Amino acid sequence: VSAGSHSATPIIEVRGMRVARGDRSLPAVD
């Protein structure tokens, strides 16, 4: 798949998101 379209401005972006689940947090997500 070409990555040419990936340079467009993201509508939604997450940086280092660590979601809390109960008494722990999931690994970070970009």
PDB file of all heavy atoms in Angstrom:
ATOM      1  N   VAL A   1       0.853  -1.184   0.000  1.00  0.00           N
ATOM      2  CA  VAL A   1       0.000   0.000   0.000  1.00  0.00           C
ATOM      3  C   VAL A   1       0.886   1.231   0.000  1.00  0.00           C
ATOM      4  O   VAL A   1       1.811   1.350   0.800  1.00  0.00           O
ATOM      5  CB  VAL A   1      -0.922   0.022   1.227  1.00  0.00           C
ATOM      6  CG1 VAL A   1      -1.724   1.297   1.260  1.00  0.00           C
ATOM      7  CG2 VAL A   1      -1.846  -1.180   1.182  1.00  0.00           C
ATOM      8  N   SER A   2       0.583   2.158  -0.856  1.00  0.00           N
ATOM      9  CA  SER A   2       1.381   3.383  -0.945  1.00  0.00           C
ATOM     10  C   SER A   2       1.183   4.226   0.287  1.00  0.00           C
ATOM     11  O   SER A   2       0.090   4.333   0.823  1.00  0.00           O
ATOM     12  CB  SER A   2       0.963   4.177  -2.196  1.00  0.00           C
ATOM     13  OG  SER A   2       1.550   5.453  -2.187  1.00  0.00           O
ATOM     14  N   ALA A   3       2.288   4.860   0.719  1.00  0.00           N
ATOM     15  CA  ALA A   3       2.216   5.729   1.885  1.00  0.00           C
ATOM     16  C   ALA A   3       2.060   7.176   1.499  1.00  0.00           C
ATOM     17  O   ALA A   3       2.154   8.064   2.326  1.00  0.00           O
ATOM     18  CB  ALA A   3       3.487   5.545   2.727  1.00  0.00           C
ATOM     19  N   GLY A   4       1.762   7.435   0.241  1.00  0.00           N
ATOM     20  CA  GLY A   4       1.686   8.824  -0.190  1.00  0.00           C
ATOM     21  C   GLY A   4       0.586   9.596   0.476  1.00  0.00           C
ATOM     22  O   GLY A   4       0.743  10.762   0.799  1.00  0.00           O
ATOM     23  N   SER A   5      -0.554   8.948   0.703  1.00  0.00           N
ATOM     24  CA  SER A   5      -1.680   9.656   1.315  1.00  0.00           C
ATOM     25  C   SER A   5      -1.506   9.845   2.798  1.00  0.00           C
ATOM     26  O   SER A   5      -2.245  10.578   3.422  1.00  0.00           O
ATOM     27  CB  SER A   5      -2.978   8.880   1.052  1.00  0.00           C
ATOM     28  OG  SER A   5      -2.910   7.623   1.669  1.00  0.00           O
ATOM     29  N   HIS A   6      -0.512   9.205   3.406  1.00  0.00           N
ATOM     30  CA  HIS A   6      -0.367   9.259   4.853  1.00  0.00           C
ATOM     31  C   HIS A   6       0.155  10.595   5.320  1.00  0.00           C
ATOM     32  O   HIS A   6       0.157  10.880   6.497  1.00  0.00           O
ATOM     33  CB  HIS A   6       0.579   8.145   5.330  1.00  0.00           C
ATOM     34  CG  HIS A   6       0.079   6.787   4.964  1.00  0.00           C
ATOM     35  ND1 HIS A   6       0.884   5.688   4.920  1.00  0.00           N
ATOM     36  CD2 HIS A   6      -1.157   6.361   4.590  1.00  0.00           C
ATOM     37  CE1 HIS A   6       0.189   4.626   4.547  1.00  0.00           C
ATOM     38  NE2 HIS A   6      -1.063   5.023   4.342  1.00  0.00           N
ATOM     39  N   SER A   7       0.643  11.430   4.389  1.00  0.00           N
ATOM     40  CA  SER A   7       1.167  12.733   4.782  1.00  0.00           C
ATOM     41  C   SER A   7       0.068  13.754   5.020  1.00  0.00           C
ATOM     42  O   SER A   7       0.338  14.874   5.435  1.00  0.00           O
ATOM     43  CB  SER A   7       2.127  13.248   3.694  1.00  0.00           C
ATOM     44  OG  SER A   7       1.431  13.378   2.454  1.00  0.00           O
ATOM     45  N   ALA A   8      -1.194  13.387   4.697  1.00  0.00           N
ATOM     46  CA  ALA A   8      -2.304  14.303   4.922  1.00  0.00           C
ATOM     47  C   ALA A   8      -2.455  14.598   6.414  1.00  0.00           C
ATOM     48  O   ALA A   8      -2.080  13.796   7.267  1.00  0.00           O
ATOM     49  CB  ALA A   8      -3.590  13.693   4.375  1.00  0.00           C
ATOM     50  N   THR A   9      -3.024  15.779   6.732  1.00  0.00           N
ATOM     51  CA  THR A   9      -3.217  16.153   8.124  1.00  0.00           C
ATOM     52  C   THR A   9      -4.196  15.190   8.786  1.00  0.00           C
ATOM     53  O   THR A   9      -5.318  15.016   8.291  1.00  0.00           O
ATOM     54  CB  THR A   9      -3.768  17.582   8.221  1.00  0.00           C
ATOM     55  OG1 THR A   9      -2.865  18.472   7.584  1.00  0.00           O
ATOM     56  CG2 THR A   9      -3.941  17.985   9.684  1.00  0.00           C
ATOM     57  N   PRO A  10      -3.825  14.553   9.875  1.00  0.00           N
ATOM     58  CA  PRO A  10      -4.734  13.593  10.513  1.00  0.00           C
ATOM     59  C   PRO A  10      -5.976  14.290  11.065  1.00  0.00           C
ATOM     60  O   PRO A  10      -5.891  15.393  11.617  1.00  0.00           O
ATOM     61  CB  PRO A  10      -3.892  12.999  11.645  1.00  0.00           C
ATOM     62  CG  PRO A  10      -2.470  13.333  11.311  1.00  0.00           C
ATOM     63  CD  PRO A  10      -2.514  14.616  10.557  1.00  0.00           C
ATOM     64  N   ILE A  11      -7.103  13.619  10.921  1.00  0.00           N
ATOM     65  CA  ILE A  11      -8.311  14.116  11.594  1.00  0.00           C
ATOM     66  C   ILE A  11      -8.210  13.803  13.084  1.00  0.00           C
ATOM     67  O   ILE A  11      -8.457  14.655  13.932  1.00  0.00           O
ATOM     68  CB  ILE A  11      -9.566  13.473  10.981  1.00  0.00           C
ATOM     69  CG1 ILE A  11      -9.702  13.855   9.507  1.00  0.00           C
ATOM     70  CG2 ILE A  11     -10.815  13.898  11.766  1.00  0.00           C
ATOM     71  CD1 ILE A  11     -10.854  13.161   8.803  1.00  0.00           C
ATOM     72  N   ILE A  12      -7.826  12.563  13.378  1.00  0.00           N
ATOM     73  CA  ILE A  12      -7.634  12.138  14.770  1.00  0.00           C
ATOM     74  C   ILE A  12      -6.219  11.592  14.905  1.00  0.00           C
ATOM     75  O   ILE A  12      -5.752  10.812  14.058  1.00  0.00           O
ATOM     76  CB  ILE A  12      -8.657  11.062  15.177  1.00  0.00           C
ATOM     77  CG1 ILE A  12     -10.068  11.654  15.237  1.00  0.00           C
ATOM     78  CG2 ILE A  12      -8.305  10.447  16.536  1.00  0.00           C
ATOM     79  CD1 ILE A  12     -11.143  10.652  15.597  1.00  0.00           C
ATOM     80  N   GLU A  13      -5.543  12.004  15.973  1.00  0.00           N
ATOM     81  CA  GLU A  13      -4.195  11.525  16.240  1.00  0.00           C
ATOM     82  C   GLU A  13      -4.036  11.295  17.733  1.00  0.00           C
ATOM     83  O   GLU A  13      -4.504  12.111  18.540  1.00  0.00           O
ATOM     84  CB  GLU A  13      -3.159  12.536  15.757  1.00  0.00           C
ATOM     85  CG  GLU A  13      -1.716  12.073  15.956  1.00  0.00           C
ATOM     86  CD  GLU A  13      -0.701  13.074  15.415  1.00  0.00           C
ATOM     87  OE1 GLU A  13      -1.128  14.175  14.992  1.00  0.00           O
ATOM     88  OE2 GLU A  13       0.496  12.750  15.427  1.00  0.00           O
ATOM     89  N   VAL A  14      -3.421  10.196  18.101  1.00  0.00           N
ATOM     90  CA  VAL A  14      -3.100   9.939  19.505  1.00  0.00           C
ATOM     91  C   VAL A  14      -1.595   9.751  19.623  1.00  0.00           C
ATOM     92  O   VAL A  14      -0.962   9.112  18.771  1.00  0.00           O
ATOM     93  CB  VAL A  14      -3.850   8.703  20.057  1.00  0.00           C
ATOM     94  CG1 VAL A  14      -5.333   8.922  20.059  1.00  0.00           C
ATOM     95  CG2 VAL A  14      -3.521   7.441  19.258  1.00  0.00           C
ATOM     96  N   ARG A  15      -1.038  10.302  20.695  1.00  0.00           N
ATOM     97  CA  ARG A  15       0.397  10.226  20.928  1.00  0.00           C
ATOM     98  C   ARG A  15       0.642   9.704  22.345  1.00  0.00           C
ATOM     99  O   ARG A  15       0.227  10.328  23.316  1.00  0.00           O
ATOM    100  CB  ARG A  15       1.048  11.606  20.777  1.00  0.00           C
ATOM    101  CG  ARG A  15       0.880  12.240  19.402  1.00  0.00           C
ATOM    102  CD  ARG A  15       1.392  13.669  19.398  1.00  0.00           C
ATOM    103  NE  ARG A  15       1.194  14.322  18.109  1.00  0.00           N
ATOM    104  CZ  ARG A  15       1.380  15.639  17.899  1.00  0.00           C
ATOM    105  NH1 ARG A  15       1.788  16.415  18.901  1.00  0.00           N
ATOM    106  NH2 ARG A  15       1.167  16.147  16.704  1.00  0.00           N
ATOM    107  N   GLY A  16       1.281   8.586  22.416  1.00  0.00           N
ATOM    108  CA  GLY A  16       1.610   8.020  23.719  1.00  0.00           C
ATOM    109  C   GLY A  16       0.405   7.730  24.581  1.00  0.00           C
ATOM    110  O   GLY A  16       0.456   7.866  25.804  1.00  0.00           O
ATOM    111  N   MET A  17      -0.697   7.315  23.969  1.00  0.00           N
ATOM    112  CA  MET A  17      -1.927   7.056  24.741  1.00  0.00           C
ATOM    113  C   MET A  17      -1.783   5.754  25.535  1.00  0.00           C
ATOM    114  O   MET A  17      -1.566   4.687  24.978  1.00  0.00           O
ATOM    115  CB  MET A  17      -3.135   6.965  23.811  1.00  0.00           C
ATOM    116  CG  MET A  17      -4.426   6.556  24.528  1.00  0.00           C
ATOM    117  SD  MET A  17      -5.822   6.344  23.401  1.00  0.00           S
ATOM    118  CE  MET A  17      -6.286   8.049  23.117  1.00  0.00           C
ATOM    119  N   ARG A  18      -1.889   5.873  26.840  1.00  0.00           N
ATOM    120  CA  ARG A  18      -1.881   4.706  27.728  1.00  0.00           C
ATOM    121  C   ARG A  18      -3.244   4.660  28.414  1.00  0.00           C
ATOM    122  O   ARG A  18      -3.541   5.450  29.310  1.00  0.00           O
ATOM    123  CB  ARG A  18      -0.761   4.816  28.767  1.00  0.00           C
ATOM    124  CG  ARG A  18       0.635   4.749  28.169  1.00  0.00           C
ATOM    125  CD  ARG A  18       1.712   5.005  29.225  1.00  0.00           C
ATOM    126  NE  ARG A  18       1.682   3.999  30.288  1.00  0.00           N
ATOM    127  CZ  ARG A  18       2.379   2.869  30.246  1.00  0.00           C
ATOM    128  NH1 ARG A  18       3.148   2.592  29.202  1.00  0.00           N
ATOM    129  NH2 ARG A  18       2.327   2.005  31.246  1.00  0.00           N
ATOM    130  N   VAL A  19      -4.067   3.730  27.977  1.00  0.00           N
ATOM    131  CA  VAL A  19      -5.439   3.644  28.469  1.00  0.00           C
ATOM    132  C   VAL A  19      -5.450   2.912  29.807  1.00  0.00           C
ATOM    133  O   VAL A  19      -4.834   1.846  29.950  1.00  0.00           O
ATOM    134  CB  VAL A  19      -6.348   2.914  27.459  1.00  0.00           C
ATOM    135  CG1 VAL A  19      -7.792   2.903  27.961  1.00  0.00           C
ATOM    136  CG2 VAL A  19      -6.268   3.586  26.095  1.00  0.00           C
ATOM    137  N   ALA A  20      -6.134   3.498  30.789  1.00  0.00           N
ATOM    138  CA  ALA A  20      -6.278   2.853  32.094  1.00  0.00           C
ATOM    139  C   ALA A  20      -7.368   1.797  32.014  1.00  0.00           C
ATOM    140  O   ALA A  20      -8.469   2.050  31.518  1.00  0.00           O
ATOM    141  CB  ALA A  20      -6.628   3.890  33.160  1.00  0.00           C
ATOM    142  N   ARG A  21      -7.048   0.608  32.494  1.00  0.00           N
ATOM    143  CA  ARG A  21      -8.029  -0.473  32.512  1.00  0.00           C
ATOM    144  C   ARG A  21      -7.952  -1.150  33.871  1.00  0.00           C
ATOM    145  O   ARG A  21      -7.044  -1.925  34.160  1.00  0.00           O
ATOM    146  CB  ARG A  21      -7.768  -1.472  31.392  1.00  0.00           C
ATOM    147  CG  ARG A  21      -8.880  -2.522  31.263  1.00  0.00           C
ATOM    148  CD  ARG A  21      -8.773  -3.270  29.980  1.00  0.00           C
ATOM    149  NE  ARG A  21      -7.578  -4.107  29.922  1.00  0.00           N
ATOM    150  CZ  ARG A  21      -7.229  -4.831  28.867  1.00  0.00           C
ATOM    151  NH1 ARG A  21      -7.965  -4.774  27.770  1.00  0.00           N
ATOM    152  NH2 ARG A  21      -6.153  -5.571  28.894  1.00  0.00           N
ATOM    153  N   GLY A  22      -8.927  -0.820  34.722  1.00  0.00           N
ATOM    154  CA  GLY A  22      -8.903  -1.331  36.093  1.00  0.00           C
ATOM    155  C   GLY A  22      -7.737  -0.723  36.851  1.00  0.00           C
ATOM    156  O   GLY A  22      -7.574   0.491  36.879  1.00  0.00           O
ATOM    157  N   ASP A  23      -6.923  -1.576  37.452  1.00  0.00           N
ATOM    158  CA  ASP A  23      -5.800  -1.082  38.243  1.00  0.00           C
ATOM    159  C   ASP A  23      -4.498  -1.104  37.450  1.00  0.00           C
ATOM    160  O   ASP A  23      -3.419  -1.072  38.021  1.00  0.00           O
ATOM    161  CB  ASP A  23      -5.647  -1.930  39.515  1.00  0.00           C
ATOM    162  CG  ASP A  23      -5.448  -3.404  39.201  1.00  0.00           C
ATOM    163  OD1 ASP A  23      -5.606  -3.778  38.012  1.00  0.00           O
ATOM    164  OD2 ASP A  23      -5.146  -4.180  40.135  1.00  0.00           O
ATOM    165  N   ARG A  24      -4.580  -1.170  36.140  1.00  0.00           N
ATOM    166  CA  ARG A  24      -3.377  -1.153  35.326  1.00  0.00           C
ATOM    167  C   ARG A  24      -3.597  -0.323  34.085  1.00  0.00           C
ATOM    168  O   ARG A  24      -4.729   0.044  33.754  1.00  0.00           O
ATOM    169  CB  ARG A  24      -2.961  -2.582  34.954  1.00  0.00           C
ATOM    170  CG  ARG A  24      -3.982  -3.342  34.119  1.00  0.00           C
ATOM    171  CD  ARG A  24      -3.663  -4.824  34.062  1.00  0.00           C
ATOM    172  NE  ARG A  24      -4.652  -5.555  33.284  1.00  0.00           N
ATOM    173  CZ  ARG A  24      -4.405  -6.062  32.083  1.00  0.00           C
ATOM    174  NH1 ARG A  24      -3.229  -5.893  31.519  1.00  0.00           N
ATOM    175  NH2 ARG A  24      -5.343  -6.737  31.443  1.00  0.00           N
ATOM    176  N   SER A  25      -2.516  -0.024  33.370  1.00  0.00           N
ATOM    177  CA  SER A  25      -2.591   0.735  32.132  1.00  0.00           C
ATOM    178  C   SER A  25      -2.001  -0.086  31.001  1.00  0.00           C
ATOM    179  O   SER A  25      -1.043  -0.845  31.202  1.00  0.00           O
ATOM    180  CB  SER A  25      -1.837   2.065  32.256  1.00  0.00           C
ATOM    181  OG  SER A  25      -2.498   2.928  33.137  1.00  0.00           O
ATOM    182  N   LEU A  26      -2.567   0.082  29.826  1.00  0.00           N
ATOM    183  CA  LEU A  26      -2.066  -0.627  28.652  1.00  0.00           C
ATOM    184  C   LEU A  26      -0.830   0.080  28.110  1.00  0.00           C
ATOM    185  O   LEU A  26      -0.616   1.268  28.370  1.00  0.00           O
ATOM    186  CB  LEU A  26      -3.160  -0.674  27.586  1.00  0.00           C
ATOM    187  CG  LEU A  26      -4.440  -1.414  28.001  1.00  0.00           C
ATOM    188  CD1 LEU A  26      -5.511  -1.228  26.940  1.00  0.00           C
ATOM    189  CD2 LEU A  26      -4.155  -2.894  28.220  1.00  0.00           C
ATOM    190  N   PRO A  27       0.003  -0.608  27.337  1.00  0.00           N
ATOM    191  CA  PRO A  27       1.158   0.041  26.717  1.00  0.00           C
ATOM    192  C   PRO A  27       0.730   1.218  25.854  1.00  0.00           C
ATOM    193  O   PRO A  27      -0.397   1.267  25.344  1.00  0.00           O
ATOM    194  CB  PRO A  27       1.783  -1.075  25.871  1.00  0.00           C
ATOM    195  CG  PRO A  27       1.362  -2.332  26.555  1.00  0.00           C
ATOM    196  CD  PRO A  27      -0.014  -2.060  27.077  1.00  0.00           C
ATOM    197  N   ALA A  28       1.640   2.155  25.666  1.00  0.00           N
ATOM    198  CA  ALA A  28       1.332   3.378  24.926  1.00  0.00           C
ATOM    199  C   ALA A  28       1.057   3.080  23.461  1.00  0.00           C
ATOM    200  O   ALA A  28       1.592   2.135  22.879  1.00  0.00           O
ATOM    201  CB  ALA A  28       2.483   4.365  25.062  1.00  0.00           C
ATOM    202  N   VAL A  29       0.216   3.909  22.859  1.00  0.00           N
ATOM    203  CA  VAL A  29      -0.191   3.750  21.466  1.00  0.00           C
ATOM    204  C   VAL A  29       0.008   5.060  20.733  1.00  0.00           C
ATOM    205  O   VAL A  29      -0.330   6.130  21.252  1.00  0.00           O
ATOM    206  CB  VAL A  29      -1.672   3.319  21.364  1.00  0.00           C
ATOM    207  CG1 VAL A  29      -2.096   3.219  19.910  1.00  0.00           C
ATOM    208  CG2 VAL A  29      -1.896   2.006  22.073  1.00  0.00           C
ATOM    209  N   ASP A  30       0.574   4.985  19.528  1.00  0.00           N
ATOM    210  CA  ASP A  30       0.613   6.110  18.596  1.00  0.00           C
ATOM    211  C   ASP A  30      -0.273   5.749  17.418  1.00  0.00           C
ATOM    212  O   ASP A  30      -0.154   4.653  16.855  1.00  0.00           O
ATOM    213  CB  ASP A  30       2.034   6.376  18.106  1.00  0.00           C
ATOM    214  CG  ASP A  30       2.891   7.036  19.175  1.00  0.00           C
ATOM    215  OD1 ASP A  30       2.320   7.679  20.066  1.00  0.00           O
ATOM    216  OD2 ASP A  30       4.131   6.892  19.119  1.00  0.00           O
TER     217      ASP A  30
END
